[in-house]
Amino acid sequence: MGAGGATPTVTEFESCNPNPVRFGAMDASHTGTSNSADLPSNWGRWGEDDQLGTVNLITAEARARGAAEARTGRTVSLAVPIQPAPLISGPFAPSTQDASPVQQMMVYVGSPAPAMADVMLVTNHHPRSTHLDALGHAIRDGRVYPGRPVDEAVTPAGARHGSTTAFAAGLATRGILLDLAADGPLPSGHAVTARDLEAAEERQRVRLESGDALVVRCGWPMTPDPERPMPGMSLDAVRWMHRRGVSLYAGDIGDAHPDLDPACPLPLHRVALPMMGLPLIDAAEVDGLAAVCAELGRYAFLLTVAPPRIHGLTGVPVNPLAVF
């Protein structure tokens, strides 16, 4: 099926941790009991060598739909600011400091130094860094999207399949913010469902279409708090994303910690990313975006994501921009 076609629903009568079947296939020998779940999958939909996943849904029409939302030129960043920590400690280094996703070492060029430079050590998948997960980040039953054995996809020398290489051209499409925290943060341990997402659509008078990026605000920090179970996406919400043709997910939270459903943990990272090929922007800063959307009465915008063109990574820090 072409990238611009309707997004079908794929049914797999399996437990939450099966070996996923190819796109459009179904094992009729299973009955779908209370211990089973129908899991959405795009394996094989765009070919066995596909590395774009749901980015295939960002057609020229979807990009034009996003560009039409850029009317005033006002921009909002969805990235969390990062304060680097010194890579080398010494008498001037802070004695106590929260872990930073970026460690920095200053480099003096020449003597006396006519210029300054620095070296950075970046932890790509850090909860305090807004970053884009590549499709090879999450492994399911020894395979990454779309069914490539992990030992073929990832090597000690870097990722060969499902890496950041696929996003080198950047991403641009219409973004839709669904603000689930308009009346306050979601309750602790709340499982976000399709009903929650559709209620936000109705309240905001907006509808997400195939190829759009979904941005969700729950009103929680991404960093887990052992004393307060986080809310998070449910498998039901992930199925909804599949039916609607979401091309990219970003949110202040994603999968809950601890797991909301031990039988199917981490539905974004265990189902959406490796089975649907849905890229995830973790730890997005969406409070400022929500404020601007409420001010303008508009919850649709042009969303651009231009990661650095570093190939072979499983993820990379990004600074997504919403343009109104």
C-alpha atoms as a PDB file:
ATOM      1  CA  MET A   1       0.000   0.000   0.000  1.00  0.00           C
ATOM      2  CA  GLY A   2       1.242   3.487  -0.820  1.00  0.00           C
ATOM      3  CA  ALA A   3       2.258   5.939   1.857  1.00  0.00           C
ATOM      4  CA  GLY A   4      -0.748   8.131   1.158  1.00  0.00           C
ATOM      5  CA  GLY A   5      -3.301   5.320   1.589  1.00  0.00           C
ATOM      6  CA  ALA A   6      -5.637   4.794   4.500  1.00  0.00           C
ATOM      7  CA  THR A   7      -4.120   3.307   7.622  1.00  0.00           C
ATOM      8  CA  PRO A   8      -5.603  -0.151   8.211  1.00  0.00           C
ATOM      9  CA  THR A   9      -6.015  -1.890  11.518  1.00  0.00           C
ATOM     10  CA  VAL A  10      -3.874  -4.989  11.893  1.00  0.00           C
ATOM     11  CA  THR A  11      -5.088  -7.691  14.232  1.00  0.00           C
ATOM     12  CA  GLU A  12      -2.782 -10.192  15.864  1.00  0.00           C
ATOM     13  CA  PHE A  13      -4.342 -12.593  18.309  1.00  0.00           C
ATOM     14  CA  GLU A  14      -1.246 -12.925  20.434  1.00  0.00           C
ATOM     15  CA  SER A  15      -0.029 -12.012  23.893  1.00  0.00           C
ATOM     16  CA  CYS A  16       1.631  -8.639  24.409  1.00  0.00           C
ATOM     17  CA  ASN A  17       5.067 -10.170  23.724  1.00  0.00           C
ATOM     18  CA  PRO A  18       4.627 -12.206  20.523  1.00  0.00           C
ATOM     19  CA  ASN A  19       6.788 -12.494  17.468  1.00  0.00           C
ATOM     20  CA  PRO A  20       4.894  -9.951  15.362  1.00  0.00           C
ATOM     21  CA  VAL A  21       3.356 -11.111  12.108  1.00  0.00           C
ATOM     22  CA  ARG A  22       3.775  -9.283   8.819  1.00  0.00           C
ATOM     23  CA  PHE A  23       1.581  -6.318   7.983  1.00  0.00           C
ATOM     24  CA  GLY A  24      -1.951  -7.378   7.130  1.00  0.00           C
ATOM     25  CA  ALA A  25      -1.531 -10.947   8.395  1.00  0.00           C
ATOM     26  CA  MET A  26      -3.560 -12.661  11.104  1.00  0.00           C
ATOM     27  CA  ASP A  27      -3.261 -15.936  12.964  1.00  0.00           C
ATOM     28  CA  ALA A  28      -6.818 -17.240  13.078  1.00  0.00           C
ATOM     29  CA  SER A  29      -5.890 -20.188  15.300  1.00  0.00           C
ATOM     30  CA  HIS A  30      -5.881 -17.909  18.344  1.00  0.00           C
ATOM     31  CA  THR A  31      -9.171 -16.877  19.857  1.00  0.00           C
ATOM     32  CA  GLY A  32      -8.323 -13.529  21.446  1.00  0.00           C
ATOM     33  CA  THR A  33      -9.035 -14.366  25.071  1.00  0.00           C
ATOM     34  CA  SER A  34      -8.640 -11.976  27.999  1.00  0.00           C
ATOM     35  CA  ASN A  35      -4.933 -12.892  28.062  1.00  0.00           C
ATOM     36  CA  SER A  36      -4.427 -11.814  24.428  1.00  0.00           C
ATOM     37  CA  ALA A  37      -4.089  -8.463  22.686  1.00  0.00           C
ATOM     38  CA  ASP A  38      -4.387  -7.306  19.097  1.00  0.00           C
ATOM     39  CA  LEU A  39      -1.157  -5.530  18.389  1.00  0.00           C
ATOM     40  CA  PRO A  40      -0.755  -3.035  15.530  1.00  0.00           C
ATOM     41  CA  SER A  41       2.159  -3.654  13.188  1.00  0.00           C
ATOM     42  CA  ASN A  42       3.569  -2.117  10.026  1.00  0.00           C
ATOM     43  CA  TRP A  43       6.120  -4.881   9.405  1.00  0.00           C
ATOM     44  CA  GLY A  44       6.212  -5.418   5.657  1.00  0.00           C
ATOM     45  CA  ARG A  45       3.870  -2.536   4.853  1.00  0.00           C
ATOM     46  CA  TRP A  46       6.555  -0.455   3.131  1.00  0.00           C
ATOM     47  CA  GLY A  47       8.908  -3.335   2.355  1.00  0.00           C
ATOM     48  CA  GLU A  48      11.357  -5.466   4.297  1.00  0.00           C
ATOM     49  CA  ASP A  49      14.138  -2.868   4.069  1.00  0.00           C
ATOM     50  CA  ASP A  50      12.076   0.133   5.145  1.00  0.00           C
ATOM     51  CA  GLN A  51      13.733   2.458   7.669  1.00  0.00           C
ATOM     52  CA  LEU A  52      11.220   5.321   7.742  1.00  0.00           C
ATOM     53  CA  GLY A  53       8.262   3.608   9.384  1.00  0.00           C
ATOM     54  CA  THR A  54       5.346   5.976   9.879  1.00  0.00           C
ATOM     55  CA  VAL A  55       7.405   8.843   8.435  1.00  0.00           C
ATOM     56  CA  ASN A  56       6.199   7.321   5.136  1.00  0.00           C
ATOM     57  CA  LEU A  57       2.816   8.826   6.036  1.00  0.00           C
ATOM     58  CA  ILE A  58       4.259  12.359   5.799  1.00  0.00           C
ATOM     59  CA  THR A  59       3.308  12.910   2.178  1.00  0.00           C
ATOM     60  CA  ALA A  60       3.601  16.145   0.230  1.00  0.00           C
ATOM     61  CA  GLU A  61      -0.044  16.744   1.114  1.00  0.00           C
ATOM     62  CA  ALA A  62       0.688  16.316   4.833  1.00  0.00           C
ATOM     63  CA  ARG A  63       3.630  18.739   4.642  1.00  0.00           C
ATOM     64  CA  ALA A  64       1.511  21.276   2.770  1.00  0.00           C
ATOM     65  CA  ARG A  65      -1.197  20.927   5.403  1.00  0.00           C
ATOM     66  CA  GLY A  66       1.412  21.765   8.020  1.00  0.00           C
ATOM     67  CA  ALA A  67       2.856  24.665   6.029  1.00  0.00           C
ATOM     68  CA  ALA A  68      -0.641  26.172   5.776  1.00  0.00           C
ATOM     69  CA  GLU A  69      -0.679  26.491   9.591  1.00  0.00           C
ATOM     70  CA  ALA A  70       2.378  28.794   9.582  1.00  0.00           C
ATOM     71  CA  ARG A  71       0.499  32.100   9.271  1.00  0.00           C
ATOM     72  CA  THR A  72       2.165  34.559  11.657  1.00  0.00           C
ATOM     73  CA  GLY A  73       5.748  33.262  11.934  1.00  0.00           C
ATOM     74  CA  ARG A  74       5.525  32.837  15.717  1.00  0.00           C
ATOM     75  CA  THR A  75       7.657  29.925  16.921  1.00  0.00           C
ATOM     76  CA  VAL A  76       7.799  27.802  20.065  1.00  0.00           C
ATOM     77  CA  SER A  77      10.589  25.370  20.957  1.00  0.00           C
ATOM     78  CA  LEU A  78       9.622  21.948  22.304  1.00  0.00           C
ATOM     79  CA  ALA A  79      13.102  21.197  23.679  1.00  0.00           C
ATOM     80  CA  VAL A  80      14.120  21.034  27.311  1.00  0.00           C
ATOM     81  CA  PRO A  81      17.078  23.376  28.016  1.00  0.00           C
ATOM     82  CA  ILE A  82      20.251  21.553  29.066  1.00  0.00           C
ATOM     83  CA  GLN A  83      22.988  22.805  31.352  1.00  0.00           C
ATOM     84  CA  PRO A  84      26.152  20.781  30.627  1.00  0.00           C
ATOM     85  CA  ALA A  85      28.188  19.290  33.456  1.00  0.00           C
ATOM     86  CA  PRO A  86      31.993  19.495  33.428  1.00  0.00           C
ATOM     87  CA  LEU A  87      33.603  16.354  32.070  1.00  0.00           C
ATOM     88  CA  ILE A  88      36.725  16.989  34.141  1.00  0.00           C
ATOM     89  CA  SER A  89      36.239  17.922  37.786  1.00  0.00           C
ATOM     90  CA  GLY A  90      38.505  20.174  39.721  1.00  0.00           C
ATOM     91  CA  PRO A  91      38.496  22.948  42.290  1.00  0.00           C
ATOM     92  CA  PHE A  92      35.921  24.964  40.347  1.00  0.00           C
ATOM     93  CA  ALA A  93      33.507  22.104  39.602  1.00  0.00           C
ATOM     94  CA  PRO A  94      30.294  22.004  41.684  1.00  0.00           C
ATOM     95  CA  SER A  95      30.459  19.512  44.546  1.00  0.00           C
ATOM     96  CA  THR A  96      26.891  18.375  43.942  1.00  0.00           C
ATOM     97  CA  GLN A  97      25.060  18.466  40.627  1.00  0.00           C
ATOM     98  CA  ASP A  98      22.170  16.637  39.061  1.00  0.00           C
ATOM     99  CA  ALA A  99      23.120  14.273  36.276  1.00  0.00           C
ATOM    100  CA  SER A 100      23.200  16.100  32.949  1.00  0.00           C
ATOM    101  CA  PRO A 101      22.732  14.484  29.524  1.00  0.00           C
ATOM    102  CA  VAL A 102      25.696  16.534  28.280  1.00  0.00           C
ATOM    103  CA  GLN A 103      29.204  16.562  29.710  1.00  0.00           C
ATOM    104  CA  GLN A 104      31.538  19.272  28.468  1.00  0.00           C
ATOM    105  CA  MET A 105      35.291  19.657  28.320  1.00  0.00           C
ATOM    106  CA  MET A 106      36.693  23.079  27.423  1.00  0.00           C
ATOM    107  CA  VAL A 107      39.576  23.201  24.947  1.00  0.00           C
ATOM    108  CA  TYR A 108      42.015  26.092  24.805  1.00  0.00           C
ATOM    109  CA  VAL A 109      43.224  26.557  21.232  1.00  0.00           C
ATOM    110  CA  GLY A 110      46.856  27.673  21.218  1.00  0.00           C
ATOM    111  CA  SER A 111      48.840  29.598  23.821  1.00  0.00           C
ATOM    112  CA  PRO A 112      47.859  32.253  24.382  1.00  0.00           C
ATOM    113  CA  ALA A 113      44.446  31.043  23.193  1.00  0.00           C
ATOM    114  CA  PRO A 114      43.062  33.045  20.261  1.00  0.00           C
ATOM    115  CA  ALA A 115      39.822  31.056  20.406  1.00  0.00           C
ATOM    116  CA  MET A 116      37.901  28.646  22.579  1.00  0.00           C
ATOM    117  CA  ALA A 117      36.419  25.272  21.718  1.00  0.00           C
ATOM    118  CA  ASP A 118      34.918  22.368  23.581  1.00  0.00           C
ATOM    119  CA  VAL A 119      34.237  18.633  23.416  1.00  0.00           C
ATOM    120  CA  MET A 120      30.879  17.169  24.415  1.00  0.00           C
ATOM    121  CA  LEU A 121      29.895  13.709  25.604  1.00  0.00           C
ATOM    122  CA  VAL A 122      26.146  13.318  24.969  1.00  0.00           C
ATOM    123  CA  THR A 123      23.843  10.661  26.402  1.00  0.00           C
ATOM    124  CA  ASN A 124      21.234  10.464  23.655  1.00  0.00           C
ATOM    125  CA  HIS A 125      18.476   8.649  25.557  1.00  0.00           C
ATOM    126  CA  HIS A 126      18.490  10.774  28.696  1.00  0.00           C
ATOM    127  CA  PRO A 127      15.217  11.691  30.469  1.00  0.00           C
ATOM    128  CA  ARG A 128      16.342  15.315  30.745  1.00  0.00           C
ATOM    129  CA  SER A 129      17.161  15.664  27.066  1.00  0.00           C
ATOM    130  CA  THR A 130      14.577  16.134  24.327  1.00  0.00           C
ATOM    131  CA  HIS A 131      15.623  13.483  21.847  1.00  0.00           C
ATOM    132  CA  LEU A 132      14.366  11.564  18.830  1.00  0.00           C
ATOM    133  CA  ASP A 133      14.320   7.783  19.100  1.00  0.00           C
ATOM    134  CA  ALA A 134      15.367   6.065  15.885  1.00  0.00           C
ATOM    135  CA  LEU A 135      13.534   2.898  14.896  1.00  0.00           C
ATOM    136  CA  GLY A 136      16.449   0.675  15.886  1.00  0.00           C
ATOM    137  CA  HIS A 137      16.368   1.907  19.490  1.00  0.00           C
ATOM    138  CA  ALA A 138      13.826  -0.620  20.773  1.00  0.00           C
ATOM    139  CA  ILE A 139      14.320  -4.365  20.354  1.00  0.00           C
ATOM    140  CA  ARG A 140      11.406  -6.778  20.337  1.00  0.00           C
ATOM    141  CA  ASP A 141      12.053 -10.508  20.515  1.00  0.00           C
ATOM    142  CA  GLY A 142      15.501 -10.054  19.040  1.00  0.00           C
ATOM    143  CA  ARG A 143      14.332  -7.881  16.145  1.00  0.00           C
ATOM    144  CA  VAL A 144      13.961  -4.203  15.283  1.00  0.00           C
ATOM    145  CA  TYR A 145      11.517  -2.621  12.861  1.00  0.00           C
ATOM    146  CA  PRO A 146      10.472  -4.017  10.408  1.00  0.00           C
ATOM    147  CA  GLY A 147      11.584  -7.456  11.611  1.00  0.00           C
ATOM    148  CA  ARG A 148      15.332  -7.137  11.027  1.00  0.00           C
ATOM    149  CA  PRO A 149      17.406  -9.341  13.397  1.00  0.00           C
ATOM    150  CA  VAL A 150      19.128  -7.085  15.894  1.00  0.00           C
ATOM    151  CA  ASP A 151      22.561  -8.588  15.227  1.00  0.00           C
ATOM    152  CA  GLU A 152      22.203  -7.439  11.606  1.00  0.00           C
ATOM    153  CA  ALA A 153      20.828  -4.019  12.537  1.00  0.00           C
ATOM    154  CA  VAL A 154      23.185  -2.964  15.315  1.00  0.00           C
ATOM    155  CA  THR A 155      26.925  -3.591  15.666  1.00  0.00           C
ATOM    156  CA  PRO A 156      29.598  -2.327  18.057  1.00  0.00           C
ATOM    157  CA  ALA A 157      30.538   0.120  15.289  1.00  0.00           C
ATOM    158  CA  GLY A 158      27.044   1.655  15.181  1.00  0.00           C
ATOM    159  CA  ALA A 159      23.535   1.030  13.925  1.00  0.00           C
ATOM    160  CA  ARG A 160      23.310  -0.173  10.332  1.00  0.00           C
ATOM    161  CA  HIS A 161      19.513  -0.347  10.079  1.00  0.00           C
ATOM    162  CA  GLY A 162      16.866   1.784  11.760  1.00  0.00           C
ATOM    163  CA  SER A 163      19.330   4.510  12.738  1.00  0.00           C
ATOM    164  CA  THR A 164      19.246   8.299  12.672  1.00  0.00           C
ATOM    165  CA  THR A 165      20.439   8.096   9.066  1.00  0.00           C
ATOM    166  CA  ALA A 166      16.769   7.792   8.067  1.00  0.00           C
ATOM    167  CA  PHE A 167      16.005  11.257   9.482  1.00  0.00           C
ATOM    168  CA  ALA A 168      18.887  13.072   7.779  1.00  0.00           C
ATOM    169  CA  ALA A 169      16.523  15.079   5.546  1.00  0.00           C
ATOM    170  CA  GLY A 170      14.601  16.368   8.576  1.00  0.00           C
ATOM    171  CA  LEU A 171      10.895  16.127   9.330  1.00  0.00           C
ATOM    172  CA  ALA A 172       8.163  18.656   8.612  1.00  0.00           C
ATOM    173  CA  THR A 173       4.427  18.064   8.922  1.00  0.00           C
ATOM    174  CA  ARG A 174       1.349  19.380  10.666  1.00  0.00           C
ATOM    175  CA  GLY A 175       1.510  19.020  14.431  1.00  0.00           C
ATOM    176  CA  ILE A 176      -1.547  18.646  16.643  1.00  0.00           C
ATOM    177  CA  LEU A 177      -1.363  19.324  20.389  1.00  0.00           C
ATOM    178  CA  LEU A 178      -3.832  17.366  22.500  1.00  0.00           C
ATOM    179  CA  ASP A 179      -3.690  19.024  25.917  1.00  0.00           C
ATOM    180  CA  LEU A 180      -4.862  16.485  28.476  1.00  0.00           C
ATOM    181  CA  ALA A 181      -3.747  18.771  31.317  1.00  0.00           C
ATOM    182  CA  ALA A 182      -5.795  21.855  30.434  1.00  0.00           C
ATOM    183  CA  ASP A 183      -7.532  21.589  33.833  1.00  0.00           C
ATOM    184  CA  GLY A 184      -4.455  20.395  35.715  1.00  0.00           C
ATOM    185  CA  PRO A 185      -1.973  17.505  35.552  1.00  0.00           C
ATOM    186  CA  LEU A 186      -3.325  14.033  34.957  1.00  0.00           C
ATOM    187  CA  PRO A 187      -3.757  11.924  38.094  1.00  0.00           C
ATOM    188  CA  SER A 188      -0.890   9.740  39.237  1.00  0.00           C
ATOM    189  CA  GLY A 189      -0.917   6.392  37.446  1.00  0.00           C
ATOM    190  CA  HIS A 190      -3.529   7.463  34.882  1.00  0.00           C
ATOM    191  CA  ALA A 191      -3.552   5.332  31.731  1.00  0.00           C
ATOM    192  CA  VAL A 192      -4.218   7.561  28.714  1.00  0.00           C
ATOM    193  CA  THR A 193      -6.773   5.935  26.406  1.00  0.00           C
ATOM    194  CA  ALA A 194      -8.251   6.615  22.991  1.00  0.00           C
ATOM    195  CA  ARG A 195     -11.223   8.183  24.758  1.00  0.00           C
ATOM    196  CA  ASP A 196      -8.931  10.739  26.439  1.00  0.00           C
ATOM    197  CA  LEU A 197      -7.376  11.690  23.096  1.00  0.00           C
ATOM    198  CA  GLU A 198     -10.699  11.975  21.296  1.00  0.00           C
ATOM    199  CA  ALA A 199     -12.188  14.039  24.134  1.00  0.00           C
ATOM    200  CA  ALA A 200      -9.289  16.489  23.756  1.00  0.00           C
ATOM    201  CA  GLU A 201      -9.932  16.674  20.011  1.00  0.00           C
ATOM    202  CA  GLU A 202     -13.574  17.538  20.606  1.00  0.00           C
ATOM    203  CA  ARG A 203     -12.768  20.085  23.309  1.00  0.00           C
ATOM    204  CA  GLN A 204     -10.168  21.812  21.120  1.00  0.00           C
ATOM    205  CA  ARG A 205     -12.195  21.460  17.893  1.00  0.00           C
ATOM    206  CA  VAL A 206      -9.358  19.831  16.006  1.00  0.00           C
ATOM    207  CA  ARG A 207      -8.953  16.451  14.338  1.00  0.00           C
ATOM    208  CA  LEU A 208      -5.711  14.596  13.736  1.00  0.00           C
ATOM    209  CA  GLU A 209      -5.286  13.250  10.201  1.00  0.00           C
ATOM    210  CA  SER A 210      -2.997  10.659   8.671  1.00  0.00           C
ATOM    211  CA  GLY A 211       0.570  11.993   8.454  1.00  0.00           C
ATOM    212  CA  ASP A 212       0.138  14.474  11.316  1.00  0.00           C
ATOM    213  CA  ALA A 213       2.476  14.525  14.309  1.00  0.00           C
ATOM    214  CA  LEU A 214       0.803  14.017  17.683  1.00  0.00           C
ATOM    215  CA  VAL A 215       1.981  16.143  20.612  1.00  0.00           C
ATOM    216  CA  VAL A 216       0.508  15.287  24.016  1.00  0.00           C
ATOM    217  CA  ARG A 217       0.621  17.254  27.250  1.00  0.00           C
ATOM    218  CA  CYS A 218      -0.080  15.447  30.506  1.00  0.00           C
ATOM    219  CA  GLY A 219       1.364  18.050  32.877  1.00  0.00           C
ATOM    220  CA  TRP A 220       4.111  15.836  34.324  1.00  0.00           C
ATOM    221  CA  PRO A 221       7.903  15.973  34.200  1.00  0.00           C
ATOM    222  CA  MET A 222       9.562  13.195  32.229  1.00  0.00           C
ATOM    223  CA  THR A 223      11.935  12.302  35.058  1.00  0.00           C
ATOM    224  CA  PRO A 224      10.439   9.409  37.077  1.00  0.00           C
ATOM    225  CA  ASP A 225       9.557  10.026  40.737  1.00  0.00           C
ATOM    226  CA  PRO A 226       9.606   6.818  42.825  1.00  0.00           C
ATOM    227  CA  GLU A 227       7.063   8.344  45.203  1.00  0.00           C
ATOM    228  CA  ARG A 228       4.504   9.165  42.494  1.00  0.00           C
ATOM    229  CA  PRO A 229       3.607   6.691  39.727  1.00  0.00           C
ATOM    230  CA  MET A 230       3.541   8.547  36.416  1.00  0.00           C
ATOM    231  CA  PRO A 231       0.632   8.599  34.003  1.00  0.00           C
ATOM    232  CA  GLY A 232       1.374   7.245  30.555  1.00  0.00           C
ATOM    233  CA  MET A 233       0.103   5.956  27.245  1.00  0.00           C
ATOM    234  CA  SER A 234      -1.905   2.741  27.221  1.00  0.00           C
ATOM    235  CA  LEU A 235      -1.933   0.104  24.504  1.00  0.00           C
ATOM    236  CA  ASP A 236      -5.423   1.375  23.649  1.00  0.00           C
ATOM    237  CA  ALA A 237      -3.946   4.823  22.909  1.00  0.00           C
ATOM    238  CA  VAL A 238      -1.236   3.249  20.744  1.00  0.00           C
ATOM    239  CA  ARG A 239      -3.876   1.379  18.740  1.00  0.00           C
ATOM    240  CA  TRP A 240      -5.664   4.710  18.239  1.00  0.00           C
ATOM    241  CA  MET A 241      -2.447   6.267  16.918  1.00  0.00           C
ATOM    242  CA  HIS A 242      -2.160   3.403  14.447  1.00  0.00           C
ATOM    243  CA  ARG A 243      -5.745   3.786  13.246  1.00  0.00           C
ATOM    244  CA  ARG A 244      -5.358   7.534  12.810  1.00  0.00           C
ATOM    245  CA  GLY A 245      -2.010   7.332  11.009  1.00  0.00           C
ATOM    246  CA  VAL A 246       0.130   9.285  13.468  1.00  0.00           C
ATOM    247  CA  SER A 247       3.541   9.874  11.857  1.00  0.00           C
ATOM    248  CA  LEU A 248       5.475  11.080  14.921  1.00  0.00           C
ATOM    249  CA  TYR A 249       4.806  11.195  18.677  1.00  0.00           C
ATOM    250  CA  ALA A 250       6.074  13.838  21.110  1.00  0.00           C
ATOM    251  CA  GLY A 251       5.027  14.462  24.680  1.00  0.00           C
ATOM    252  CA  ASP A 252       6.041  15.571  28.139  1.00  0.00           C
ATOM    253  CA  ILE A 253       5.533  11.938  29.130  1.00  0.00           C
ATOM    254  CA  GLY A 254       5.199   8.745  27.133  1.00  0.00           C
ATOM    255  CA  ASP A 255       5.453   5.331  28.787  1.00  0.00           C
ATOM    256  CA  ALA A 256       4.655   5.314  32.480  1.00  0.00           C
ATOM    257  CA  HIS A 257       7.125   4.380  35.209  1.00  0.00           C
ATOM    258  CA  PRO A 258       6.350   2.059  36.893  1.00  0.00           C
ATOM    259  CA  ASP A 259       4.393   0.170  34.230  1.00  0.00           C
ATOM    260  CA  LEU A 260       0.650   0.723  34.228  1.00  0.00           C
ATOM    261  CA  ASP A 261      -0.017  -2.746  32.824  1.00  0.00           C
ATOM    262  CA  PRO A 262       2.650  -5.334  33.750  1.00  0.00           C
ATOM    263  CA  ALA A 263       1.200  -7.664  31.102  1.00  0.00           C
ATOM    264  CA  CYS A 264       2.046  -5.124  28.392  1.00  0.00           C
ATOM    265  CA  PRO A 265       4.713  -2.703  29.619  1.00  0.00           C
ATOM    266  CA  LEU A 266       5.996   0.321  27.725  1.00  0.00           C
ATOM    267  CA  PRO A 267       3.488   0.282  24.848  1.00  0.00           C
ATOM    268  CA  LEU A 268       5.189   3.194  23.061  1.00  0.00           C
ATOM    269  CA  HIS A 269       8.664   1.664  23.233  1.00  0.00           C
ATOM    270  CA  ARG A 270       7.574  -1.981  23.016  1.00  0.00           C
ATOM    271  CA  VAL A 271       4.818  -1.704  20.393  1.00  0.00           C
ATOM    272  CA  ALA A 272       4.673   1.687  18.651  1.00  0.00           C
ATOM    273  CA  LEU A 273       8.412   2.045  17.998  1.00  0.00           C
ATOM    274  CA  PRO A 274       9.513  -1.506  17.046  1.00  0.00           C
ATOM    275  CA  MET A 275       6.235  -2.779  15.507  1.00  0.00           C
ATOM    276  CA  MET A 276       4.591   0.279  13.987  1.00  0.00           C
ATOM    277  CA  GLY A 277       7.837   2.091  13.215  1.00  0.00           C
ATOM    278  CA  LEU A 278       6.570   5.209  14.990  1.00  0.00           C
ATOM    279  CA  PRO A 279       9.467   7.586  15.845  1.00  0.00           C
ATOM    280  CA  LEU A 280       9.242   9.023  19.356  1.00  0.00           C
ATOM    281  CA  ILE A 281      10.381  12.394  20.653  1.00  0.00           C
ATOM    282  CA  ASP A 282      10.958  11.776  24.340  1.00  0.00           C
ATOM    283  CA  ALA A 283      11.022  14.453  27.050  1.00  0.00           C
ATOM    284  CA  ALA A 284       9.451  17.224  25.004  1.00  0.00           C
ATOM    285  CA  GLU A 285       8.822  20.597  26.660  1.00  0.00           C
ATOM    286  CA  VAL A 286       5.180  21.328  25.865  1.00  0.00           C
ATOM    287  CA  ASP A 287       4.014  23.794  28.533  1.00  0.00           C
ATOM    288  CA  GLY A 288       5.029  26.806  26.438  1.00  0.00           C
ATOM    289  CA  LEU A 289       3.362  25.284  23.393  1.00  0.00           C
ATOM    290  CA  ALA A 290       0.133  24.730  25.329  1.00  0.00           C
ATOM    291  CA  ALA A 291       0.149  28.337  26.520  1.00  0.00           C
ATOM    292  CA  VAL A 292       0.522  29.688  22.974  1.00  0.00           C
ATOM    293  CA  CYS A 293      -2.149  27.326  21.630  1.00  0.00           C
ATOM    294  CA  ALA A 294      -4.583  28.456  24.327  1.00  0.00           C
ATOM    295  CA  GLU A 295      -3.759  32.122  23.655  1.00  0.00           C
ATOM    296  CA  LEU A 296      -4.311  31.783  19.914  1.00  0.00           C
ATOM    297  CA  GLY A 297      -7.173  29.318  20.134  1.00  0.00           C
ATOM    298  CA  ARG A 298      -5.277  27.117  17.665  1.00  0.00           C
ATOM    299  CA  TYR A 299      -3.966  23.634  18.359  1.00  0.00           C
ATOM    300  CA  ALA A 300      -2.543  22.909  14.900  1.00  0.00           C
ATOM    301  CA  PHE A 301       0.822  24.199  13.677  1.00  0.00           C
ATOM    302  CA  LEU A 302       3.745  23.415  11.416  1.00  0.00           C
ATOM    303  CA  LEU A 303       6.122  21.111  13.290  1.00  0.00           C
ATOM    304  CA  THR A 304       9.714  20.907  12.113  1.00  0.00           C
ATOM    305  CA  VAL A 305      12.399  18.565  13.437  1.00  0.00           C
ATOM    306  CA  ALA A 306      15.898  18.933  11.994  1.00  0.00           C
ATOM    307  CA  PRO A 307      18.279  16.548  13.780  1.00  0.00           C
ATOM    308  CA  PRO A 308      22.010  16.863  13.168  1.00  0.00           C
ATOM    309  CA  ARG A 309      23.077  14.679  10.247  1.00  0.00           C
ATOM    310  CA  ILE A 310      24.970  12.174  12.346  1.00  0.00           C
ATOM    311  CA  HIS A 311      24.498   8.713  10.900  1.00  0.00           C
ATOM    312  CA  GLY A 312      24.367   5.361  12.668  1.00  0.00           C
ATOM    313  CA  LEU A 313      22.880   6.477  16.012  1.00  0.00           C
ATOM    314  CA  THR A 314      19.893   4.994  17.863  1.00  0.00           C
ATOM    315  CA  GLY A 315      18.752   8.452  18.918  1.00  0.00           C
ATOM    316  CA  VAL A 316      19.784  12.087  18.842  1.00  0.00           C
ATOM    317  CA  PRO A 317      18.953  15.305  20.735  1.00  0.00           C
ATOM    318  CA  VAL A 318      16.591  17.566  18.781  1.00  0.00           C
ATOM    319  CA  ASN A 319      15.028  20.994  19.069  1.00  0.00           C
ATOM    320  CA  PRO A 320      11.531  20.654  17.554  1.00  0.00           C
ATOM    321  CA  LEU A 321       9.909  23.922  16.510  1.00  0.00           C
ATOM    322  CA  ALA A 322       6.200  24.678  16.292  1.00  0.00           C
ATOM    323  CA  VAL A 323       5.475  27.463  13.813  1.00  0.00           C
ATOM    324  CA  PHE A 324       2.150  29.315  13.911  1.00  0.00           C
END
